[in-house]
Amino acid sequence: MLSSSPTPATPVDGAPGPAPAPVSSPTGASLYTRFCATLARACMALGVTGLLLLVIAVLTQVFGRYVLNDTPTWAETIAMLLVLYVTMLGTAVGVRDAGHIGLESLLVLLPERIRTRIELLIHVLVGTFGAVMAYNCALLALSVADYKLPTLGISEGWRYLPPVIAGALIVLFSIEHIIAVLKGTEVEPAWH
């Protein structure tokens, strides 16, 4: 919800007060940051949904095995697929929100100029890793697309789609971090 800016107070002597600050339109970088934050929140919402579905799939499997003495064959395959999707989406968001393992205590000791260069290098390497992962997993998904998961009847390629999605997201989020380092700002985590 937008709030209206207060009107400048007129001094007692009748002289005009300071001019109001101009309203700035969002820059390309801030629009990109909002886009990435929205993507990260969507990934987290999908991850939470995936976790709930995973719990349901495992409970169905346990109930079938121990109560009905007839384990549903699809439950294990769906649970494994859900683990892949939840993990990969969470990994991508972890890159954006800087939730991954880092040795920032060493960077703090370095001079500002060197620290900035190393931070840029780290984000470039992480983005490169994401691109390589997405590309190679896409090739793998295409190579097994004709094979079917026997218990679900869907393409085997569905197993390799999560790292493709995560790799693409990692590239987007690494670009966001590079822009932030160049501007001298920090990326705000998607969840406050």
C-alpha atoms as a PDB file:
ATOM      1  CA  MET A   1       0.000   0.000   0.000  1.00  0.00           C
ATOM      2  CA  LEU A   2       1.443   3.326  -1.029  1.00  0.00           C
ATOM      3  CA  SER A   3       1.424   6.157   1.439  1.00  0.00           C
ATOM      4  CA  SER A   4       1.271   9.747   0.380  1.00  0.00           C
ATOM      5  CA  SER A   5       4.330  11.795   1.154  1.00  0.00           C
ATOM      6  CA  PRO A   6       3.837  14.544   3.696  1.00  0.00           C
ATOM      7  CA  THR A   7       3.585  18.044   2.315  1.00  0.00           C
ATOM      8  CA  PRO A   8       6.574  20.182   3.105  1.00  0.00           C
ATOM      9  CA  ALA A   9       6.020  22.404   6.072  1.00  0.00           C
ATOM     10  CA  THR A  10       5.928  26.099   5.375  1.00  0.00           C
ATOM     11  CA  PRO A  11       8.131  28.015   7.766  1.00  0.00           C
ATOM     12  CA  VAL A  12       6.494  30.538  10.058  1.00  0.00           C
ATOM     13  CA  ASP A  13       7.882  33.501   8.125  1.00  0.00           C
ATOM     14  CA  GLY A  14       5.981  32.426   4.945  1.00  0.00           C
ATOM     15  CA  ALA A  15       9.057  31.435   2.933  1.00  0.00           C
ATOM     16  CA  PRO A  16       8.589  28.261   0.949  1.00  0.00           C
ATOM     17  CA  GLY A  17       9.993  25.104   2.466  1.00  0.00           C
ATOM     18  CA  PRO A  18      12.377  22.689   0.788  1.00  0.00           C
ATOM     19  CA  ALA A  19      11.284  21.256  -2.540  1.00  0.00           C
ATOM     20  CA  PRO A  20       9.851  17.761  -2.359  1.00  0.00           C
ATOM     21  CA  ALA A  21      12.152  14.958  -3.476  1.00  0.00           C
ATOM     22  CA  PRO A  22      11.434  13.824  -7.012  1.00  0.00           C
ATOM     23  CA  VAL A  23       9.656  10.503  -7.317  1.00  0.00           C
ATOM     24  CA  SER A  24      12.003   8.128  -9.055  1.00  0.00           C
ATOM     25  CA  SER A  25      10.817   5.408 -11.351  1.00  0.00           C
ATOM     26  CA  PRO A  26      12.169   1.913 -10.764  1.00  0.00           C
ATOM     27  CA  THR A  27      15.420   1.184 -12.546  1.00  0.00           C
ATOM     28  CA  GLY A  28      16.102  -1.930 -14.555  1.00  0.00           C
ATOM     29  CA  ALA A  29      18.210  -3.308 -11.693  1.00  0.00           C
ATOM     30  CA  SER A  30      15.457  -2.815  -9.113  1.00  0.00           C
ATOM     31  CA  LEU A  31      12.898  -4.411 -11.437  1.00  0.00           C
ATOM     32  CA  TYR A  32      15.262  -7.353 -11.907  1.00  0.00           C
ATOM     33  CA  THR A  33      15.708  -7.628  -8.139  1.00  0.00           C
ATOM     34  CA  ARG A  34      11.929  -7.636  -7.638  1.00  0.00           C
ATOM     35  CA  PHE A  35      11.589 -10.280 -10.345  1.00  0.00           C
ATOM     36  CA  CYS A  36      14.230 -12.471  -8.671  1.00  0.00           C
ATOM     37  CA  ALA A  37      12.648 -12.005  -5.233  1.00  0.00           C
ATOM     38  CA  THR A  38       9.266 -13.014  -6.651  1.00  0.00           C
ATOM     39  CA  LEU A  39      10.835 -16.073  -8.282  1.00  0.00           C
ATOM     40  CA  ALA A  40      12.530 -17.033  -5.009  1.00  0.00           C
ATOM     41  CA  ARG A  41       9.287 -16.704  -3.054  1.00  0.00           C
ATOM     42  CA  ALA A  42       7.459 -18.805  -5.658  1.00  0.00           C
ATOM     43  CA  CYS A  43      10.179 -21.458  -5.413  1.00  0.00           C
ATOM     44  CA  MET A  44       9.861 -21.524  -1.646  1.00  0.00           C
ATOM     45  CA  ALA A  45       6.078 -21.829  -1.860  1.00  0.00           C
ATOM     46  CA  LEU A  46       6.454 -24.688  -4.345  1.00  0.00           C
ATOM     47  CA  GLY A  47       9.060 -26.253  -2.067  1.00  0.00           C
ATOM     48  CA  VAL A  48       6.737 -26.137   0.938  1.00  0.00           C
ATOM     49  CA  THR A  49       3.927 -27.608  -1.163  1.00  0.00           C
ATOM     50  CA  GLY A  50       6.319 -30.297  -2.361  1.00  0.00           C
ATOM     51  CA  LEU A  51       7.289 -31.122   1.228  1.00  0.00           C
ATOM     52  CA  LEU A  52       3.636 -31.516   2.199  1.00  0.00           C
ATOM     53  CA  LEU A  53       3.037 -33.784  -0.800  1.00  0.00           C
ATOM     54  CA  LEU A  54       6.176 -35.726   0.106  1.00  0.00           C
ATOM     55  CA  VAL A  55       4.855 -36.347   3.612  1.00  0.00           C
ATOM     56  CA  ILE A  56       1.541 -37.526   2.146  1.00  0.00           C
ATOM     57  CA  ALA A  57       3.327 -39.871  -0.291  1.00  0.00           C
ATOM     58  CA  VAL A  58       5.475 -41.389   2.457  1.00  0.00           C
ATOM     59  CA  LEU A  59       2.493 -41.760   4.809  1.00  0.00           C
ATOM     60  CA  THR A  60       0.566 -43.469   2.000  1.00  0.00           C
ATOM     61  CA  GLN A  61       3.482 -45.818   1.465  1.00  0.00           C
ATOM     62  CA  VAL A  62       3.778 -46.649   5.179  1.00  0.00           C
ATOM     63  CA  PHE A  63       0.005 -47.075   5.577  1.00  0.00           C
ATOM     64  CA  GLY A  64      -0.127 -49.354   2.551  1.00  0.00           C
ATOM     65  CA  ARG A  65       2.791 -51.456   3.704  1.00  0.00           C
ATOM     66  CA  TYR A  66       1.951 -51.890   7.383  1.00  0.00           C
ATOM     67  CA  VAL A  67      -1.834 -51.545   7.529  1.00  0.00           C
ATOM     68  CA  LEU A  68      -3.096 -52.793   4.165  1.00  0.00           C
ATOM     69  CA  ASN A  69      -0.136 -55.111   3.538  1.00  0.00           C
ATOM     70  CA  ASP A  70      -0.181 -53.822  -0.051  1.00  0.00           C
ATOM     71  CA  THR A  71       2.346 -51.058  -0.760  1.00  0.00           C
ATOM     72  CA  PRO A  72       1.310 -48.714  -3.577  1.00  0.00           C
ATOM     73  CA  THR A  73       4.079 -48.872  -6.173  1.00  0.00           C
ATOM     74  CA  TRP A  74       3.734 -45.255  -7.233  1.00  0.00           C
ATOM     75  CA  ALA A  75       4.278 -43.765  -3.749  1.00  0.00           C
ATOM     76  CA  GLU A  76       8.031 -44.379  -3.611  1.00  0.00           C
ATOM     77  CA  THR A  77       8.667 -43.001  -7.100  1.00  0.00           C
ATOM     78  CA  ILE A  78       6.628 -39.881  -6.407  1.00  0.00           C
ATOM     79  CA  ALA A  79       8.428 -39.391  -3.088  1.00  0.00           C
ATOM     80  CA  MET A  80      11.809 -39.604  -4.837  1.00  0.00           C
ATOM     81  CA  LEU A  81      10.716 -37.119  -7.513  1.00  0.00           C
ATOM     82  CA  LEU A  82       9.406 -34.717  -4.875  1.00  0.00           C
ATOM     83  CA  VAL A  83      12.696 -34.896  -2.970  1.00  0.00           C
ATOM     84  CA  LEU A  84      14.525 -33.882  -6.165  1.00  0.00           C
ATOM     85  CA  TYR A  85      12.213 -30.942  -6.861  1.00  0.00           C
ATOM     86  CA  VAL A  86      12.170 -29.660  -3.276  1.00  0.00           C
ATOM     87  CA  THR A  87      15.949 -29.964  -2.929  1.00  0.00           C
ATOM     88  CA  MET A  88      16.767 -28.275  -6.225  1.00  0.00           C
ATOM     89  CA  LEU A  89      14.342 -25.379  -5.701  1.00  0.00           C
ATOM     90  CA  GLY A  90      15.670 -24.907  -2.177  1.00  0.00           C
ATOM     91  CA  THR A  91      19.244 -24.935  -3.476  1.00  0.00           C
ATOM     92  CA  ALA A  92      18.506 -22.180  -5.984  1.00  0.00           C
ATOM     93  CA  VAL A  93      16.838 -20.020  -3.331  1.00  0.00           C
ATOM     94  CA  GLY A  94      19.764 -20.731  -1.012  1.00  0.00           C
ATOM     95  CA  VAL A  95      22.081 -19.236  -3.630  1.00  0.00           C
ATOM     96  CA  ARG A  96      19.936 -16.102  -3.869  1.00  0.00           C
ATOM     97  CA  ASP A  97      19.489 -15.647  -0.133  1.00  0.00           C
ATOM     98  CA  ALA A  98      23.162 -16.497   0.575  1.00  0.00           C
ATOM     99  CA  GLY A  99      22.124 -19.544   2.557  1.00  0.00           C
ATOM    100  CA  HIS A 100      24.958 -21.633   1.174  1.00  0.00           C
ATOM    101  CA  ILE A 101      28.208 -22.348   2.962  1.00  0.00           C
ATOM    102  CA  GLY A 102      30.691 -19.508   2.703  1.00  0.00           C
ATOM    103  CA  LEU A 103      33.928 -18.401   4.271  1.00  0.00           C
ATOM    104  CA  GLU A 104      33.027 -14.767   4.731  1.00  0.00           C
ATOM    105  CA  SER A 105      35.255 -14.423   7.773  1.00  0.00           C
ATOM    106  CA  LEU A 106      38.278 -14.536   5.461  1.00  0.00           C
ATOM    107  CA  LEU A 107      36.778 -11.978   3.069  1.00  0.00           C
ATOM    108  CA  VAL A 108      36.173  -9.494   5.888  1.00  0.00           C
ATOM    109  CA  LEU A 109      39.914  -9.348   6.552  1.00  0.00           C
ATOM    110  CA  LEU A 110      40.760  -8.320   2.982  1.00  0.00           C
ATOM    111  CA  PRO A 111      40.919  -4.763   1.667  1.00  0.00           C
ATOM    112  CA  GLU A 112      37.676  -3.516   0.053  1.00  0.00           C
ATOM    113  CA  ARG A 113      39.044  -3.549  -3.523  1.00  0.00           C
ATOM    114  CA  ILE A 114      40.231  -7.165  -3.320  1.00  0.00           C
ATOM    115  CA  ARG A 115      37.115  -8.285  -1.436  1.00  0.00           C
ATOM    116  CA  THR A 116      34.866  -6.886  -4.185  1.00  0.00           C
ATOM    117  CA  ARG A 117      36.835  -8.719  -6.867  1.00  0.00           C
ATOM    118  CA  ILE A 118      36.701 -12.005  -4.975  1.00  0.00           C
ATOM    119  CA  GLU A 119      32.943 -11.617  -4.375  1.00  0.00           C
ATOM    120  CA  LEU A 120      32.453 -11.025  -8.101  1.00  0.00           C
ATOM    121  CA  LEU A 121      34.581 -14.073  -8.900  1.00  0.00           C
ATOM    122  CA  ILE A 122      32.562 -16.220  -6.496  1.00  0.00           C
ATOM    123  CA  HIS A 123      29.245 -15.159  -8.057  1.00  0.00           C
ATOM    124  CA  VAL A 124      30.607 -15.684 -11.582  1.00  0.00           C
ATOM    125  CA  LEU A 125      31.784 -19.192 -10.624  1.00  0.00           C
ATOM    126  CA  VAL A 126      28.456 -20.053  -8.977  1.00  0.00           C
ATOM    127  CA  GLY A 127      26.565 -18.753 -12.028  1.00  0.00           C
ATOM    128  CA  THR A 128      28.844 -20.751 -14.337  1.00  0.00           C
ATOM    129  CA  PHE A 129      28.203 -23.862 -12.269  1.00  0.00           C
ATOM    130  CA  GLY A 130      24.444 -23.266 -12.566  1.00  0.00           C
ATOM    131  CA  ALA A 131      24.690 -22.847 -16.345  1.00  0.00           C
ATOM    132  CA  VAL A 132      26.799 -25.996 -16.775  1.00  0.00           C
ATOM    133  CA  MET A 133      24.446 -27.969 -14.524  1.00  0.00           C
ATOM    134  CA  ALA A 134      21.352 -26.767 -16.400  1.00  0.00           C
ATOM    135  CA  TYR A 135      22.865 -27.487 -19.808  1.00  0.00           C
ATOM    136  CA  ASN A 136      24.173 -30.963 -19.023  1.00  0.00           C
ATOM    137  CA  CYS A 137      21.052 -32.050 -17.166  1.00  0.00           C
ATOM    138  CA  ALA A 138      18.927 -30.803 -20.076  1.00  0.00           C
ATOM    139  CA  LEU A 139      20.999 -32.976 -22.413  1.00  0.00           C
ATOM    140  CA  LEU A 140      20.555 -35.906 -20.044  1.00  0.00           C
ATOM    141  CA  ALA A 141      16.802 -35.315 -19.765  1.00  0.00           C
ATOM    142  CA  LEU A 142      16.498 -35.272 -23.557  1.00  0.00           C
ATOM    143  CA  SER A 143      18.557 -38.451 -23.893  1.00  0.00           C
ATOM    144  CA  VAL A 144      16.219 -40.411 -21.579  1.00  0.00           C
ATOM    145  CA  ALA A 145      12.962 -38.721 -22.599  1.00  0.00           C
ATOM    146  CA  ASP A 146      11.756 -41.795 -24.484  1.00  0.00           C
ATOM    147  CA  TYR A 147      12.125 -44.070 -21.455  1.00  0.00           C
ATOM    148  CA  LYS A 148       9.264 -44.335 -18.984  1.00  0.00           C
ATOM    149  CA  LEU A 149       9.217 -44.542 -15.205  1.00  0.00           C
ATOM    150  CA  PRO A 150       7.484 -47.924 -14.868  1.00  0.00           C
ATOM    151  CA  THR A 151       5.394 -47.140 -11.803  1.00  0.00           C
ATOM    152  CA  LEU A 152       4.108 -43.778 -13.063  1.00  0.00           C
ATOM    153  CA  GLY A 153       4.148 -44.125 -16.837  1.00  0.00           C
ATOM    154  CA  ILE A 154       5.784 -40.715 -17.307  1.00  0.00           C
ATOM    155  CA  SER A 155       9.048 -39.854 -19.031  1.00  0.00           C
ATOM    156  CA  GLU A 156      12.331 -40.571 -17.271  1.00  0.00           C
ATOM    157  CA  GLY A 157      13.273 -36.987 -18.182  1.00  0.00           C
ATOM    158  CA  TRP A 158      11.180 -35.720 -15.256  1.00  0.00           C
ATOM    159  CA  ARG A 159      14.001 -36.889 -12.958  1.00  0.00           C
ATOM    160  CA  TYR A 160      16.470 -34.545 -14.627  1.00  0.00           C
ATOM    161  CA  LEU A 161      14.243 -31.505 -14.954  1.00  0.00           C
ATOM    162  CA  PRO A 162      14.777 -30.203 -11.361  1.00  0.00           C
ATOM    163  CA  PRO A 163      18.517 -29.515 -11.829  1.00  0.00           C
ATOM    164  CA  VAL A 164      17.755 -27.828 -15.153  1.00  0.00           C
ATOM    165  CA  ILE A 165      15.312 -25.470 -13.443  1.00  0.00           C
ATOM    166  CA  ALA A 166      17.628 -24.951 -10.467  1.00  0.00           C
ATOM    167  CA  GLY A 167      20.610 -24.272 -12.726  1.00  0.00           C
ATOM    168  CA  ALA A 168      18.708 -21.618 -14.662  1.00  0.00           C
ATOM    169  CA  LEU A 169      17.555 -20.010 -11.398  1.00  0.00           C
ATOM    170  CA  ILE A 170      21.115 -20.073 -10.031  1.00  0.00           C
ATOM    171  CA  VAL A 171      22.287 -18.196 -13.123  1.00  0.00           C
ATOM    172  CA  LEU A 172      19.557 -15.557 -12.671  1.00  0.00           C
ATOM    173  CA  PHE A 173      20.274 -15.187  -8.966  1.00  0.00           C
ATOM    174  CA  SER A 174      24.050 -14.990  -9.530  1.00  0.00           C
ATOM    175  CA  ILE A 175      23.517 -12.172 -12.024  1.00  0.00           C
ATOM    176  CA  GLU A 176      21.458 -10.395  -9.371  1.00  0.00           C
ATOM    177  CA  HIS A 177      24.332 -10.753  -6.882  1.00  0.00           C
ATOM    178  CA  ILE A 178      26.857  -9.476  -9.442  1.00  0.00           C
ATOM    179  CA  ILE A 179      24.712  -6.395 -10.065  1.00  0.00           C
ATOM    180  CA  ALA A 180      24.413  -5.824  -6.318  1.00  0.00           C
ATOM    181  CA  VAL A 181      28.192  -6.099  -5.788  1.00  0.00           C
ATOM    182  CA  LEU A 182      28.853  -3.660  -8.644  1.00  0.00           C
ATOM    183  CA  LYS A 183      26.323  -1.197  -7.170  1.00  0.00           C
ATOM    184  CA  GLY A 184      27.743  -1.635  -3.658  1.00  0.00           C
ATOM    185  CA  THR A 185      24.476  -3.024  -2.258  1.00  0.00           C
ATOM    186  CA  GLU A 186      23.341  -6.367  -0.883  1.00  0.00           C
ATOM    187  CA  VAL A 187      20.618  -8.705  -2.084  1.00  0.00           C
ATOM    188  CA  GLU A 188      17.776  -8.741   0.417  1.00  0.00           C
ATOM    189  CA  PRO A 189      16.624 -12.278   1.264  1.00  0.00           C
ATOM    190  CA  ALA A 190      13.271 -13.224  -0.222  1.00  0.00           C
ATOM    191  CA  TRP A 191      11.896 -14.088   3.220  1.00  0.00           C
ATOM    192  CA  HIS A 192      12.250 -11.401   5.860  1.00  0.00           C
END
